[in-house]
Amino acid sequence: MNDKYNFNEFDLGEIFKSVWGYSAPPLLFGLQNAVEKKLFGNTSDTSDYSFAIPSERREYNIKGSPFYGLNNNGNEVFLPIWLIKADGTKFMLQNTVSSIVSKKTIVETVLVNQHGSVKEEISMDDWDLAVKGIIVSPDMDYPDQQVADLKALYKLSESHGIENARTSLLFEDNEKVVMKNLKFPEIKGMKNVQAFECDLVSDIEFKLIIE
């Protein structure tokens, strides 16, 4: 077995690159990797980035959402994503990177003998979140319980609350998300790690008033 993929010596940034073909920013996985290096002596460095460590860090953003959290292995992660069930239970998506995008529906009207067009904003679409994550088993075997828990969350026919330092800045108050899909890509040579992908879409609760 290639030592790079030995199940008891790993680098989350390297795993991310092997599955999706590009490196994740080091702030996301650097804290976990530091712990793994202490435990397993892994000295590999896959980051193409370099950032100075600030003397003091902010724990919460301007909306009061935390920048950091603890994953299933007790390691600190940056920009964690928690989904909140209807009963208030929080579920952390493990070791994630995410992108968020929205677009507007705009009607453009061309004017005769005039340069350009008149643009009328009709509406702003939902926010789409593309999430990639890595589940690492704490017992060095396949993370079957964590995979089953994620699948059970996906099967729920309901929207979920979300706690994340970025979405708290972009979403409206009480805006929720729905899981649109869930995928488990293959990771070769590592029995205690499972990658996953899911797409979330924002969901605003509307009230229909009939007069």
Protein backbone atom coordinates (compact mmCIF):
# COMPACT_ATOMS: atom_id res chain seq x y z
CA MET A 1 0.00 0.00 0.00
CA ASN A 2 1.26 3.49 -0.81
CA ASP A 3 2.38 5.14 2.45
CA LYS A 4 0.65 8.36 1.39
CA TYR A 5 -2.70 6.66 1.90
CA ASN A 6 -1.87 4.60 4.99
CA PHE A 7 -4.96 4.73 7.18
CA ASN A 8 -3.08 5.70 10.34
CA GLU A 9 -1.03 8.49 8.76
CA PHE A 10 -2.86 11.06 6.70
CA ASP A 11 -3.16 14.71 5.78
CA LEU A 12 -6.68 16.04 5.22
CA GLY A 13 -5.48 18.51 2.61
CA GLU A 14 -3.81 15.69 0.68
CA ILE A 15 -6.95 13.54 0.92
CA PHE A 16 -9.04 16.44 -0.39
CA LYS A 17 -6.66 16.87 -3.31
CA SER A 18 -6.67 13.14 -4.14
CA VAL A 19 -10.50 13.04 -4.29
CA TRP A 20 -11.37 16.35 -5.96
CA GLY A 21 -8.12 17.24 -7.73
CA TYR A 22 -7.25 20.54 -6.07
CA SER A 23 -5.90 21.76 -2.73
CA ALA A 24 -8.16 23.22 -0.09
CA PRO A 25 -7.00 26.43 1.64
CA PRO A 26 -4.78 25.51 4.61
CA LEU A 27 -6.84 27.43 7.17
CA LEU A 28 -9.53 24.75 6.81
CA PHE A 29 -7.40 21.72 7.57
CA GLY A 30 -4.22 23.10 9.11
CA LEU A 31 -5.44 22.72 12.69
CA GLN A 32 -6.47 19.09 12.21
CA ASN A 33 -3.23 18.27 10.41
CA ALA A 34 -1.20 19.69 13.27
CA VAL A 35 -2.88 17.24 15.63
CA GLU A 36 -2.40 14.31 13.25
CA LYS A 37 1.30 15.15 12.90
CA LYS A 38 1.67 15.03 16.68
CA LEU A 39 -0.12 11.68 16.86
CA PHE A 40 1.28 9.92 13.81
CA GLY A 41 4.46 11.82 12.93
CA ASN A 42 3.15 12.90 9.52
CA THR A 43 5.37 15.71 8.22
CA SER A 44 3.95 16.08 4.70
CA ASP A 45 2.89 19.55 3.62
CA THR A 46 0.54 19.73 0.64
CA SER A 47 -0.43 23.38 0.90
CA ASP A 48 0.37 25.80 -1.90
CA TYR A 49 -0.55 28.70 0.36
CA SER A 50 1.25 30.61 3.09
CA PHE A 51 -0.46 32.68 5.77
CA ALA A 52 0.91 34.38 8.84
CA ILE A 53 -0.75 33.30 12.08
CA PRO A 54 -2.33 36.34 13.79
CA SER A 55 -1.41 37.05 17.40
CA GLU A 56 -5.09 37.15 18.37
CA ARG A 57 -8.05 35.69 16.54
CA ARG A 58 -11.72 36.53 16.52
CA GLU A 59 -13.93 33.65 17.68
CA TYR A 60 -17.20 35.02 16.26
CA ASN A 61 -18.24 37.05 13.22
CA ILE A 62 -20.23 40.29 13.35
CA LYS A 63 -23.48 38.29 13.50
CA GLY A 64 -22.31 36.21 16.47
CA SER A 65 -21.70 32.97 14.53
CA PRO A 66 -18.54 31.01 15.49
CA PHE A 67 -15.56 30.82 13.15
CA TYR A 68 -14.37 27.56 14.77
CA GLY A 69 -15.80 24.26 16.00
CA LEU A 70 -14.74 20.75 17.00
CA ASN A 71 -15.18 17.86 14.56
CA ASN A 72 -16.01 14.24 15.45
CA ASN A 73 -12.38 13.60 16.32
CA GLY A 74 -12.19 16.53 18.71
CA ASN A 75 -10.01 18.62 16.37
CA GLU A 76 -10.68 22.27 15.65
CA VAL A 77 -12.01 23.23 12.21
CA PHE A 78 -12.46 26.60 10.52
CA LEU A 79 -15.85 27.78 9.17
CA PRO A 80 -17.78 24.72 10.39
CA ILE A 81 -21.28 24.03 9.05
CA TRP A 82 -23.97 22.80 11.44
CA LEU A 83 -27.40 21.72 10.21
CA ILE A 84 -30.13 22.06 12.83
CA LYS A 85 -33.02 19.59 12.92
CA ALA A 86 -36.59 20.50 13.80
CA ASP A 87 -36.03 19.30 17.39
CA GLY A 88 -33.04 21.66 17.79
CA THR A 89 -30.38 18.94 17.46
CA LYS A 90 -27.22 20.15 15.69
CA PHE A 91 -25.38 18.01 13.13
CA MET A 92 -21.91 19.11 11.99
CA LEU A 93 -20.92 18.39 8.40
CA GLN A 94 -17.40 17.08 8.86
CA ASN A 95 -14.25 18.87 7.64
CA THR A 96 -15.92 20.84 4.88
CA VAL A 97 -15.17 23.40 2.21
CA SER A 98 -18.08 25.15 0.55
CA SER A 99 -19.02 27.64 -2.15
CA ILE A 100 -22.13 29.82 -2.08
CA VAL A 101 -23.81 31.41 -5.08
CA SER A 102 -27.05 33.21 -5.90
CA LYS A 103 -28.28 34.95 -9.03
CA LYS A 104 -30.96 37.43 -9.98
CA THR A 105 -33.75 37.04 -12.49
CA ILE A 106 -33.65 40.21 -14.61
CA VAL A 107 -35.82 41.27 -17.54
CA GLU A 108 -33.93 43.26 -20.19
CA THR A 109 -35.89 45.45 -22.61
CA VAL A 110 -34.15 46.76 -25.73
CA LEU A 111 -35.03 50.35 -26.61
CA VAL A 112 -35.42 51.46 -30.24
CA ASN A 113 -32.72 53.88 -31.40
CA GLN A 114 -31.05 53.74 -27.99
CA HIS A 115 -27.79 52.19 -26.88
CA GLY A 116 -28.14 49.38 -24.36
CA SER A 117 -31.28 48.11 -22.66
CA VAL A 118 -33.51 48.79 -19.69
CA LYS A 119 -32.97 46.27 -16.94
CA GLU A 120 -35.75 45.48 -14.51
CA GLU A 121 -34.85 43.37 -11.50
CA ILE A 122 -37.57 40.78 -10.97
CA SER A 123 -36.27 38.65 -8.10
CA MET A 124 -33.22 37.22 -6.39
CA ASP A 125 -32.96 33.43 -6.51
CA ASP A 126 -32.18 31.11 -3.60
CA TRP A 127 -28.65 30.64 -2.32
CA ASP A 128 -27.00 27.42 -3.53
CA LEU A 129 -24.32 25.87 -1.31
CA ALA A 130 -21.96 23.27 -2.76
CA VAL A 131 -20.33 21.38 0.11
CA LYS A 132 -17.41 18.94 0.03
CA GLY A 133 -16.34 17.18 3.21
CA ILE A 134 -14.25 14.38 4.69
CA ILE A 135 -15.46 12.06 7.45
CA VAL A 136 -12.64 10.53 9.51
CA SER A 137 -13.46 7.64 11.84
CA PRO A 138 -12.20 8.12 15.41
CA ASP A 139 -11.63 4.35 15.82
CA MET A 140 -9.43 3.92 12.70
CA ASP A 141 -12.04 1.77 10.96
CA TYR A 142 -14.67 2.68 8.36
CA PRO A 143 -16.91 5.52 9.66
CA ASP A 144 -20.13 3.58 9.10
CA GLN A 145 -22.05 5.25 11.92
CA GLN A 146 -21.20 8.74 10.69
CA VAL A 147 -22.16 7.82 7.11
CA ALA A 148 -25.47 6.35 8.33
CA ASP A 149 -26.18 9.49 10.38
CA LEU A 150 -25.55 11.72 7.37
CA LYS A 151 -27.82 9.57 5.19
CA ALA A 152 -30.57 9.71 7.83
CA LEU A 153 -30.32 13.50 7.86
CA TYR A 154 -30.59 13.56 4.06
CA LYS A 155 -33.73 11.36 4.14
CA LEU A 156 -35.63 13.76 6.39
CA SER A 157 -38.35 15.47 4.36
CA GLU A 158 -37.90 18.85 5.96
CA SER A 159 -35.75 21.96 5.81
CA HIS A 160 -32.99 22.44 8.35
CA GLY A 161 -31.67 25.43 10.19
CA ILE A 162 -28.04 26.26 9.48
CA GLU A 163 -25.27 27.74 11.59
CA ASN A 164 -22.23 28.95 9.66
CA ALA A 165 -20.14 32.12 9.79
CA ARG A 166 -20.67 32.86 6.09
CA THR A 167 -24.33 31.96 5.64
CA SER A 168 -25.20 34.08 8.69
CA LEU A 169 -23.97 37.09 6.71
CA LEU A 170 -25.81 36.18 3.50
CA PHE A 171 -29.08 34.61 4.63
CA GLU A 172 -32.14 36.40 5.90
CA ASP A 173 -33.22 35.84 9.49
CA ASN A 174 -34.64 32.34 10.04
CA GLU A 175 -33.72 31.28 6.49
CA LYS A 176 -33.18 27.51 6.32
CA VAL A 177 -31.68 25.00 3.87
CA VAL A 178 -32.80 21.83 2.11
CA MET A 179 -30.40 19.03 1.09
CA LYS A 180 -30.85 18.53 -2.66
CA ASN A 181 -28.49 15.60 -3.12
CA LEU A 182 -25.81 13.51 -1.40
CA LYS A 183 -22.81 11.73 -2.92
CA PHE A 184 -20.03 9.55 -1.47
CA PRO A 185 -16.94 9.57 -3.75
CA GLU A 186 -14.39 6.78 -3.59
CA ILE A 187 -11.17 7.14 -1.61
CA LYS A 188 -8.57 4.55 -2.53
CA GLY A 189 -6.35 2.93 0.08
CA MET A 190 -7.89 4.46 3.22
CA LYS A 191 -10.36 2.44 5.23
CA ASN A 192 -11.11 5.00 7.96
CA VAL A 193 -12.00 7.94 5.70
CA GLN A 194 -15.11 8.69 3.63
CA ALA A 195 -15.48 11.76 1.43
CA PHE A 196 -18.92 13.21 0.72
CA GLU A 197 -20.55 15.92 -1.38
CA CYS A 198 -23.92 17.56 -0.96
CA ASP A 199 -25.77 20.53 -2.40
CA LEU A 200 -27.90 22.70 -0.13
CA VAL A 201 -30.41 25.32 -1.24
CA SER A 202 -31.77 28.09 0.95
CA ASP A 203 -35.43 27.97 1.93
CA ILE A 204 -37.46 30.96 3.08
CA GLU A 205 -40.75 30.34 4.83
CA PHE A 206 -43.56 32.14 3.04
CA LYS A 207 -47.00 32.98 4.42
CA LEU A 208 -49.93 32.87 2.01
CA ILE A 209 -52.53 35.47 2.94
CA ILE A 210 -55.97 35.02 1.35
CA GLU A 211 -58.31 37.98 1.60
